């Protein structure tokens, strides 16, 4: 799995994509981190993160303290039950989904969507750079902002005015 990375000079990097069950996950001393034992080597304090929480919620990346990618795990559900539970507990700390309670204003500028919304009774401005970053499900709308933060709107929880604003894009 060599991928060529184009910078000033061309270099080959090897992405460690793990597809097998020979990986053990242990808790580390920090709740948002895990230790991994893979091929007899122990890697400590890695941060697990769901890379595609909507389109592929089983695909996990593991990062060191410099946010360098150490491993990619294609499907974490193949892990033994104990490893899976430890991993899921740690990922909860690294995969925050913000719940939008109310939409004050929604504007569309070309591909970009600007949203004035309320989270925990605080008004924030959210910029969505492409309609591709909006996912409409049965009872909710999920979207990713320009900084890769994940937001959800539970449709039944929205007031009439918020729904009218949201209807501009769904």
C-alpha atoms as a PDB file:
ATOM      1  CA  UNK A   1       0.000   0.000   0.000  1.00  0.00           C
ATOM      2  CA  UNK A   2       2.483   2.604  -1.111  1.00  0.00           C
ATOM      3  CA  UNK A   3       1.072   5.958  -2.059  1.00  0.00           C
ATOM      4  CA  UNK A   4       3.122   8.620  -3.722  1.00  0.00           C
ATOM      5  CA  UNK A   5       2.966  11.923  -1.909  1.00  0.00           C
ATOM      6  CA  UNK A   6       3.840  15.007  -3.938  1.00  0.00           C
ATOM      7  CA  UNK A   7       5.691  17.718  -2.028  1.00  0.00           C
ATOM      8  CA  UNK A   8       8.839  19.516  -3.122  1.00  0.00           C
ATOM      9  CA  UNK A   9      10.312  16.106  -3.746  1.00  0.00           C
ATOM     10  CA  UNK A  10       8.554  12.874  -4.422  1.00  0.00           C
ATOM     11  CA  UNK A  11       8.647  10.335  -1.635  1.00  0.00           C
ATOM     12  CA  UNK A  12       6.936   7.043  -0.985  1.00  0.00           C
ATOM     13  CA  UNK A  13       5.031   6.707   2.235  1.00  0.00           C
ATOM     14  CA  UNK A  14       3.654   3.490   3.581  1.00  0.00           C
ATOM     15  CA  UNK A  15       0.200   3.717   5.076  1.00  0.00           C
ATOM     16  CA  UNK A  16      -0.324   1.009   7.655  1.00  0.00           C
ATOM     17  CA  UNK A  17      -3.803  -0.196   6.794  1.00  0.00           C
ATOM     18  CA  UNK A  18      -4.784  -2.929   9.217  1.00  0.00           C
ATOM     19  CA  UNK A  19      -7.355  -5.377   7.898  1.00  0.00           C
ATOM     20  CA  UNK A  20      -6.851  -8.279  10.282  1.00  0.00           C
ATOM     21  CA  UNK A  21      -7.811  -9.138  13.840  1.00  0.00           C
ATOM     22  CA  UNK A  22      -4.203  -9.406  15.113  1.00  0.00           C
ATOM     23  CA  UNK A  23      -4.534  -6.101  16.874  1.00  0.00           C
ATOM     24  CA  UNK A  24      -5.155  -5.689  20.586  1.00  0.00           C
ATOM     25  CA  UNK A  25      -6.338  -2.418  22.030  1.00  0.00           C
ATOM     26  CA  UNK A  26      -5.663  -1.512  25.644  1.00  0.00           C
ATOM     27  CA  UNK A  27      -6.662   1.556  27.613  1.00  0.00           C
ATOM     28  CA  UNK A  28      -3.953   4.159  28.132  1.00  0.00           C
ATOM     29  CA  UNK A  29      -3.648   6.544  31.054  1.00  0.00           C
ATOM     30  CA  UNK A  30      -5.696   9.150  29.129  1.00  0.00           C
ATOM     31  CA  UNK A  31      -9.379   8.474  28.366  1.00  0.00           C
ATOM     32  CA  UNK A  32      -9.100   9.798  24.786  1.00  0.00           C
ATOM     33  CA  UNK A  33      -6.090   7.601  23.919  1.00  0.00           C
ATOM     34  CA  UNK A  34      -5.418   3.884  23.501  1.00  0.00           C
ATOM     35  CA  UNK A  35      -2.413   1.594  23.401  1.00  0.00           C
ATOM     36  CA  UNK A  36      -2.163  -0.766  20.439  1.00  0.00           C
ATOM     37  CA  UNK A  37      -0.334  -4.056  20.277  1.00  0.00           C
ATOM     38  CA  UNK A  38       0.187  -5.028  16.647  1.00  0.00           C
ATOM     39  CA  UNK A  39       2.652  -7.570  15.232  1.00  0.00           C
ATOM     40  CA  UNK A  40       4.245  -7.867  18.667  1.00  0.00           C
ATOM     41  CA  UNK A  41       4.970  -4.141  18.958  1.00  0.00           C
ATOM     42  CA  UNK A  42       3.247  -1.877  21.467  1.00  0.00           C
ATOM     43  CA  UNK A  43       2.300   1.644  20.385  1.00  0.00           C
ATOM     44  CA  UNK A  44       1.288   3.895  23.273  1.00  0.00           C
ATOM     45  CA  UNK A  45      -1.079   6.838  23.670  1.00  0.00           C
ATOM     46  CA  UNK A  46      -2.551   6.892  20.174  1.00  0.00           C
ATOM     47  CA  UNK A  47      -5.646   8.968  19.522  1.00  0.00           C
ATOM     48  CA  UNK A  48      -8.356   7.011  17.658  1.00  0.00           C
ATOM     49  CA  UNK A  49     -10.674   8.977  15.403  1.00  0.00           C
ATOM     50  CA  UNK A  50     -13.539   7.922  13.156  1.00  0.00           C
ATOM     51  CA  UNK A  51     -12.381   9.251   9.801  1.00  0.00           C
ATOM     52  CA  UNK A  52     -15.705   8.970   7.970  1.00  0.00           C
ATOM     53  CA  UNK A  53     -18.304   9.071  10.756  1.00  0.00           C
ATOM     54  CA  UNK A  54     -21.188   9.263   8.288  1.00  0.00           C
ATOM     55  CA  UNK A  55     -20.224   7.365   5.153  1.00  0.00           C
ATOM     56  CA  UNK A  56     -18.056   4.659   6.767  1.00  0.00           C
ATOM     57  CA  UNK A  57     -18.468   4.625  10.572  1.00  0.00           C
ATOM     58  CA  UNK A  58     -16.166   1.612  11.050  1.00  0.00           C
ATOM     59  CA  UNK A  59     -12.984   3.164   9.594  1.00  0.00           C
ATOM     60  CA  UNK A  60     -10.623   4.407  12.328  1.00  0.00           C
ATOM     61  CA  UNK A  61      -7.404   6.397  12.129  1.00  0.00           C
ATOM     62  CA  UNK A  62      -4.853   6.324  14.950  1.00  0.00           C
ATOM     63  CA  UNK A  63      -2.660   9.360  15.574  1.00  0.00           C
ATOM     64  CA  UNK A  64       0.327  10.146  17.765  1.00  0.00           C
ATOM     65  CA  UNK A  65       0.713  13.331  19.817  1.00  0.00           C
ATOM     66  CA  UNK A  66       1.973  15.227  16.740  1.00  0.00           C
ATOM     67  CA  UNK A  67      -1.222  14.229  14.898  1.00  0.00           C
ATOM     68  CA  UNK A  68       0.802  12.014  12.573  1.00  0.00           C
ATOM     69  CA  UNK A  69      -1.197   9.082  11.265  1.00  0.00           C
ATOM     70  CA  UNK A  70       0.193   5.818  12.640  1.00  0.00           C
ATOM     71  CA  UNK A  71      -2.422   3.290  11.511  1.00  0.00           C
ATOM     72  CA  UNK A  72      -5.682   2.999   9.665  1.00  0.00           C
ATOM     73  CA  UNK A  73      -8.058   0.274  10.789  1.00  0.00           C
ATOM     74  CA  UNK A  74     -10.462  -0.583   7.994  1.00  0.00           C
ATOM     75  CA  UNK A  75     -13.206  -2.102  10.171  1.00  0.00           C
ATOM     76  CA  UNK A  76     -12.951  -1.842  13.943  1.00  0.00           C
ATOM     77  CA  UNK A  77     -15.946  -4.169  14.429  1.00  0.00           C
ATOM     78  CA  UNK A  78     -13.682  -7.175  13.634  1.00  0.00           C
ATOM     79  CA  UNK A  79     -11.819  -6.612  16.909  1.00  0.00           C
ATOM     80  CA  UNK A  80     -12.413  -8.795  19.938  1.00  0.00           C
ATOM     81  CA  UNK A  81     -15.163  -7.503  22.206  1.00  0.00           C
ATOM     82  CA  UNK A  82     -12.822  -6.101  24.863  1.00  0.00           C
ATOM     83  CA  UNK A  83     -10.641  -4.212  22.344  1.00  0.00           C
ATOM     84  CA  UNK A  84     -13.727  -2.882  20.594  1.00  0.00           C
ATOM     85  CA  UNK A  85     -15.244  -1.565  23.835  1.00  0.00           C
ATOM     86  CA  UNK A  86     -11.984   0.175  24.851  1.00  0.00           C
ATOM     87  CA  UNK A  87     -11.701   1.730  21.385  1.00  0.00           C
ATOM     88  CA  UNK A  88     -15.329   2.932  21.340  1.00  0.00           C
ATOM     89  CA  UNK A  89     -14.931   4.537  24.775  1.00  0.00           C
ATOM     90  CA  UNK A  90     -11.815   6.436  23.633  1.00  0.00           C
ATOM     91  CA  UNK A  91     -13.378   7.498  20.324  1.00  0.00           C
ATOM     92  CA  UNK A  92     -16.271   9.163  22.144  1.00  0.00           C
ATOM     93  CA  UNK A  93     -13.751  11.725  23.403  1.00  0.00           C
ATOM     94  CA  UNK A  94     -12.414  12.399  19.898  1.00  0.00           C
ATOM     95  CA  UNK A  95     -15.570  12.428  17.810  1.00  0.00           C
ATOM     96  CA  UNK A  96     -17.779  15.214  19.039  1.00  0.00           C
ATOM     97  CA  UNK A  97     -21.031  15.865  17.213  1.00  0.00           C
ATOM     98  CA  UNK A  98     -22.476  19.302  17.913  1.00  0.00           C
ATOM     99  CA  UNK A  99     -26.265  19.473  18.148  1.00  0.00           C
ATOM    100  CA  UNK A 100     -27.869  22.515  16.579  1.00  0.00           C
ATOM    101  CA  UNK A 101     -30.919  23.627  18.541  1.00  0.00           C
ATOM    102  CA  UNK A 102     -32.083  26.526  16.398  1.00  0.00           C
ATOM    103  CA  UNK A 103     -31.270  28.210  13.077  1.00  0.00           C
ATOM    104  CA  UNK A 104     -31.515  31.983  12.995  1.00  0.00           C
ATOM    105  CA  UNK A 105     -30.356  32.535   9.431  1.00  0.00           C
ATOM    106  CA  UNK A 106     -29.151  30.472   6.492  1.00  0.00           C
ATOM    107  CA  UNK A 107     -27.514  32.103   3.467  1.00  0.00           C
ATOM    108  CA  UNK A 108     -26.243  30.524   0.279  1.00  0.00           C
ATOM    109  CA  UNK A 109     -23.315  32.076  -1.615  1.00  0.00           C
ATOM    110  CA  UNK A 110     -22.490  29.906  -4.623  1.00  0.00           C
ATOM    111  CA  UNK A 111     -21.465  26.497  -3.237  1.00  0.00           C
ATOM    112  CA  UNK A 112     -20.957  27.901   0.273  1.00  0.00           C
ATOM    113  CA  UNK A 113     -23.650  27.785   2.936  1.00  0.00           C
ATOM    114  CA  UNK A 114     -23.448  30.169   5.889  1.00  0.00           C
ATOM    115  CA  UNK A 115     -25.445  29.261   8.947  1.00  0.00           C
ATOM    116  CA  UNK A 116     -26.194  31.316  12.042  1.00  0.00           C
ATOM    117  CA  UNK A 117     -27.251  28.697  14.552  1.00  0.00           C
ATOM    118  CA  UNK A 118     -27.550  28.072  18.267  1.00  0.00           C
ATOM    119  CA  UNK A 119     -25.698  25.367  20.182  1.00  0.00           C
ATOM    120  CA  UNK A 120     -26.157  25.290  23.970  1.00  0.00           C
ATOM    121  CA  UNK A 121     -27.982  28.645  23.742  1.00  0.00           C
ATOM    122  CA  UNK A 122     -24.938  30.312  22.149  1.00  0.00           C
ATOM    123  CA  UNK A 123     -25.145  31.716  18.650  1.00  0.00           C
ATOM    124  CA  UNK A 124     -22.360  30.595  16.345  1.00  0.00           C
ATOM    125  CA  UNK A 125     -21.544  31.079  12.667  1.00  0.00           C
ATOM    126  CA  UNK A 126     -20.956  27.925  10.667  1.00  0.00           C
ATOM    127  CA  UNK A 127     -19.513  27.794   7.158  1.00  0.00           C
ATOM    128  CA  UNK A 128     -20.202  24.742   4.988  1.00  0.00           C
ATOM    129  CA  UNK A 129     -18.011  24.876   1.899  1.00  0.00           C
ATOM    130  CA  UNK A 130     -19.981  22.488  -0.306  1.00  0.00           C
ATOM    131  CA  UNK A 131     -23.413  20.849  -0.495  1.00  0.00           C
ATOM    132  CA  UNK A 132     -21.474  17.547  -0.580  1.00  0.00           C
ATOM    133  CA  UNK A 133     -20.826  18.120   3.139  1.00  0.00           C
ATOM    134  CA  UNK A 134     -24.545  17.902   3.962  1.00  0.00           C
ATOM    135  CA  UNK A 135     -26.110  14.516   4.673  1.00  0.00           C
ATOM    136  CA  UNK A 136     -29.879  14.240   4.864  1.00  0.00           C
ATOM    137  CA  UNK A 137     -31.136  11.236   6.796  1.00  0.00           C
ATOM    138  CA  UNK A 138     -34.660  10.228   7.767  1.00  0.00           C
ATOM    139  CA  UNK A 139     -34.994  12.214  10.982  1.00  0.00           C
ATOM    140  CA  UNK A 140     -31.910  14.416  10.984  1.00  0.00           C
ATOM    141  CA  UNK A 141     -29.493  16.433   8.907  1.00  0.00           C
ATOM    142  CA  UNK A 142     -25.751  16.064   9.421  1.00  0.00           C
ATOM    143  CA  UNK A 143     -23.104  18.353   8.007  1.00  0.00           C
ATOM    144  CA  UNK A 144     -19.416  19.094   8.199  1.00  0.00           C
ATOM    145  CA  UNK A 145     -18.089  22.654   8.432  1.00  0.00           C
ATOM    146  CA  UNK A 146     -14.920  24.113   6.903  1.00  0.00           C
ATOM    147  CA  UNK A 147     -12.891  22.893   9.934  1.00  0.00           C
ATOM    148  CA  UNK A 148     -14.192  19.295   9.718  1.00  0.00           C
ATOM    149  CA  UNK A 149     -16.454  19.662  12.757  1.00  0.00           C
ATOM    150  CA  UNK A 150     -19.551  17.487  12.629  1.00  0.00           C
ATOM    151  CA  UNK A 151     -23.000  18.929  13.372  1.00  0.00           C
ATOM    152  CA  UNK A 152     -26.438  17.386  13.567  1.00  0.00           C
ATOM    153  CA  UNK A 153     -29.920  18.808  13.429  1.00  0.00           C
ATOM    154  CA  UNK A 154     -32.720  16.631  14.794  1.00  0.00           C
ATOM    155  CA  UNK A 155     -35.657  17.691  12.623  1.00  0.00           C
ATOM    156  CA  UNK A 156     -38.421  17.055  15.184  1.00  0.00           C
ATOM    157  CA  UNK A 157     -36.608  19.300  17.704  1.00  0.00           C
ATOM    158  CA  UNK A 158     -36.538  22.379  15.447  1.00  0.00           C
ATOM    159  CA  UNK A 159     -39.008  25.256  15.685  1.00  0.00           C
ATOM    160  CA  UNK A 160     -41.005  26.415  12.644  1.00  0.00           C
ATOM    161  CA  UNK A 161     -38.698  29.347  11.781  1.00  0.00           C
ATOM    162  CA  UNK A 162     -35.595  27.115  11.936  1.00  0.00           C
ATOM    163  CA  UNK A 163     -37.263  24.552   9.662  1.00  0.00           C
ATOM    164  CA  UNK A 164     -38.111  27.298   7.149  1.00  0.00           C
ATOM    165  CA  UNK A 165     -34.450  28.352   7.053  1.00  0.00           C
ATOM    166  CA  UNK A 166     -33.277  24.751   6.738  1.00  0.00           C
ATOM    167  CA  UNK A 167     -35.695  24.177   3.836  1.00  0.00           C
ATOM    168  CA  UNK A 168     -33.505  26.490   1.721  1.00  0.00           C
ATOM    169  CA  UNK A 169     -31.000  23.638   1.425  1.00  0.00           C
ATOM    170  CA  UNK A 170     -32.894  20.371   1.877  1.00  0.00           C
END
